[in-house]
Protein backbone atom coordinates (compact mmCIF):
# COMPACT_ATOMS: atom_id res chain seq x y z
CA MET A 1 -17.17 2.31 -1.65
CA LYS A 2 -14.92 -0.58 -2.69
CA LYS A 3 -13.43 -2.93 -0.14
CA THR A 4 -9.64 -2.90 -0.18
CA PRO A 5 -8.16 -6.39 -0.48
CA ASP A 6 -5.77 -7.57 2.21
CA LEU A 7 -2.15 -6.67 1.52
CA THR A 8 0.95 -8.76 1.93
CA LYS A 9 4.10 -7.06 3.18
CA ALA A 10 5.59 -7.42 -0.32
CA GLU A 11 2.56 -5.72 -1.89
CA TYR A 12 2.78 -2.94 0.66
CA ASP A 13 6.49 -2.45 -0.17
CA ILE A 14 5.67 -2.10 -3.87
CA LEU A 15 2.80 0.29 -3.13
CA ARG A 16 5.10 2.45 -0.98
CA VAL A 17 7.38 3.00 -3.98
CA LEU A 18 4.43 3.92 -6.20
CA TRP A 19 2.82 6.21 -3.60
CA LYS A 20 6.09 8.08 -3.34
CA HIS A 21 6.88 8.30 -7.06
CA GLY A 22 3.57 7.87 -8.91
CA GLU A 23 3.78 5.70 -11.99
CA LYS A 24 6.75 3.43 -12.47
CA SER A 25 7.78 0.50 -14.63
CA VAL A 26 8.56 -2.91 -13.16
CA ARG A 27 12.28 -2.21 -13.62
CA GLU A 28 12.03 1.12 -11.79
CA VAL A 29 10.20 -0.49 -8.87
CA HIS A 30 12.73 -3.31 -8.86
CA ASP A 31 15.61 -0.81 -8.80
CA SER A 32 13.98 0.99 -5.86
CA LEU A 33 13.60 -2.23 -3.85
CA ARG A 34 16.66 -4.17 -5.01
CA HIS A 35 18.89 -3.29 -2.05
CA SER A 36 16.26 -3.69 0.66
CA GLN A 37 14.49 -6.79 -0.70
CA GLY A 38 16.91 -8.61 -2.97
CA TRP A 39 14.07 -9.65 -5.29
CA ALA A 40 14.70 -10.70 -8.89
CA LEU A 41 13.16 -8.57 -11.63
CA THR A 42 10.87 -11.47 -12.58
CA THR A 43 9.61 -11.68 -8.98
CA VAL A 44 8.67 -7.99 -8.99
CA ARG A 45 6.96 -8.39 -12.39
CA THR A 46 4.93 -11.37 -11.14
CA MET A 47 3.89 -9.57 -7.96
CA MET A 48 2.89 -6.41 -9.84
CA ASP A 49 0.85 -8.42 -12.37
CA ARG A 50 -0.96 -10.13 -9.49
CA MET A 51 -1.54 -6.75 -7.84
CA GLU A 52 -3.11 -5.52 -11.07
CA ARG A 53 -5.50 -8.49 -11.06
CA LYS A 54 -6.39 -7.69 -7.42
CA LYS A 55 -7.15 -4.08 -8.51
CA LEU A 56 -4.35 -2.71 -6.33
CA LEU A 57 -2.50 -1.36 -9.40
CA SER A 58 -3.43 -0.18 -12.86
CA ARG A 59 -1.20 -0.72 -15.88
CA LYS A 60 -0.80 1.11 -19.17
CA ASP A 61 1.50 0.77 -22.14
CA SER A 62 3.92 3.67 -22.43
CA GLY A 63 6.03 3.27 -25.56
CA GLY A 64 6.30 -0.50 -25.29
CA VAL A 65 6.90 -0.52 -21.54
CA TYR A 66 4.15 -1.11 -18.99
CA VAL A 67 3.92 1.49 -16.26
CA TYR A 68 1.93 0.90 -13.11
CA ARG A 69 0.21 3.25 -10.70
CA PRO A 70 -1.54 2.58 -7.40
CA MET A 71 -5.32 2.18 -7.44
CA ILE A 72 -5.61 2.56 -3.69
CA SER A 73 -4.53 5.53 -1.60
CA ARG A 74 -1.80 5.43 0.97
CA PRO A 75 -4.37 5.66 3.82
CA GLU A 76 -6.32 2.73 2.29
CA GLY A 77 -3.16 0.62 2.30
CA LEU A 78 -2.25 1.75 5.79
CA THR A 79 -5.72 0.78 6.97
CA LYS A 80 -4.98 -2.86 6.24
CA MET A 81 -1.58 -2.70 7.90
CA VAL A 82 -2.90 -0.81 10.95
CA ARG A 83 -5.75 -3.28 11.43
CA PHE A 84 -3.30 -6.21 11.28
CA PHE A 85 -0.83 -4.46 13.60
CA ALA A 86 -3.51 -3.45 16.12
CA ASP A 87 -5.26 -6.83 16.18
CA ARG A 88 -2.38 -9.26 15.99
CA VAL A 89 0.73 -7.47 17.20
CA LEU A 90 -0.40 -4.95 19.82
CA GLU A 91 -3.70 -6.64 20.64
CA THR A 92 -5.34 -3.25 21.01
CA ASP A 93 -7.95 -1.18 19.23
CA THR A 94 -7.19 0.68 16.02
CA ASN A 95 -7.82 4.11 17.57
CA THR A 96 -4.77 3.61 19.79
CA VAL A 97 -2.64 2.88 16.74
CA VAL A 98 -4.04 5.88 14.83
CA ALA A 99 -3.17 8.07 17.82
CA MET A 100 0.42 6.81 17.50
CA PHE A 101 0.46 7.92 13.85
CA SER A 102 -0.96 11.34 14.62
CA GLY A 103 2.02 12.19 16.84
CA GLY A 104 4.57 11.64 14.07
CA LYS A 105 5.38 13.40 10.83
CA GLY A 106 4.85 10.39 8.57
CA LEU A 107 1.25 11.26 7.62
CA THR A 108 -0.51 14.48 6.74
CA ALA A 109 -3.58 15.58 8.71
CA ASP A 110 -5.75 14.68 5.69
CA GLU A 111 -4.21 11.19 5.49
CA ILE A 112 -4.80 10.63 9.22
CA GLU A 113 -8.42 11.72 8.85
CA GLU A 114 -8.91 9.40 5.85
CA LEU A 115 -7.28 6.56 7.79
CA LYS A 116 -9.70 7.09 10.70
CA LYS A 117 -12.70 7.05 8.34
CA LEU A 118 -11.51 3.90 6.59
CA LEU A 119 -10.92 2.10 9.88
CA ASP A 120 -14.37 3.13 11.14
CA ARG A 121 -15.93 1.85 7.91
CA GLU A 122 -14.13 -1.50 8.22
CA GLU A 123 -15.22 -1.90 11.84
CA SER A 124 -18.86 -1.33 10.89
CA GLU A 125 -18.76 -3.93 8.05
């Protein structure tokens, strides 16, 4: 199983758009994040190109426009954020944070189960 690279908050924000909508062009991602982030189109393009090199996104040509799709699942991305949050913010174990997720409606039961497995795998590595 591949090891998921660490994510920046900006990368996570871009992935959230793609997890929600599937494939999108740079402009479509930019339009989705413009009001919350205030990033220039060129900034989004640069970040998405870097994310492709990190194997976080894949890119294909669709009629002269590149469209991107996530190469990691939402639980894989959340694993990185949960680990950071548990270790550095809450200073607690990841199981406590996963228990917090399981009480809400933000994740499906399958996503919570995948998140637990990914966190267990990371702890054993």
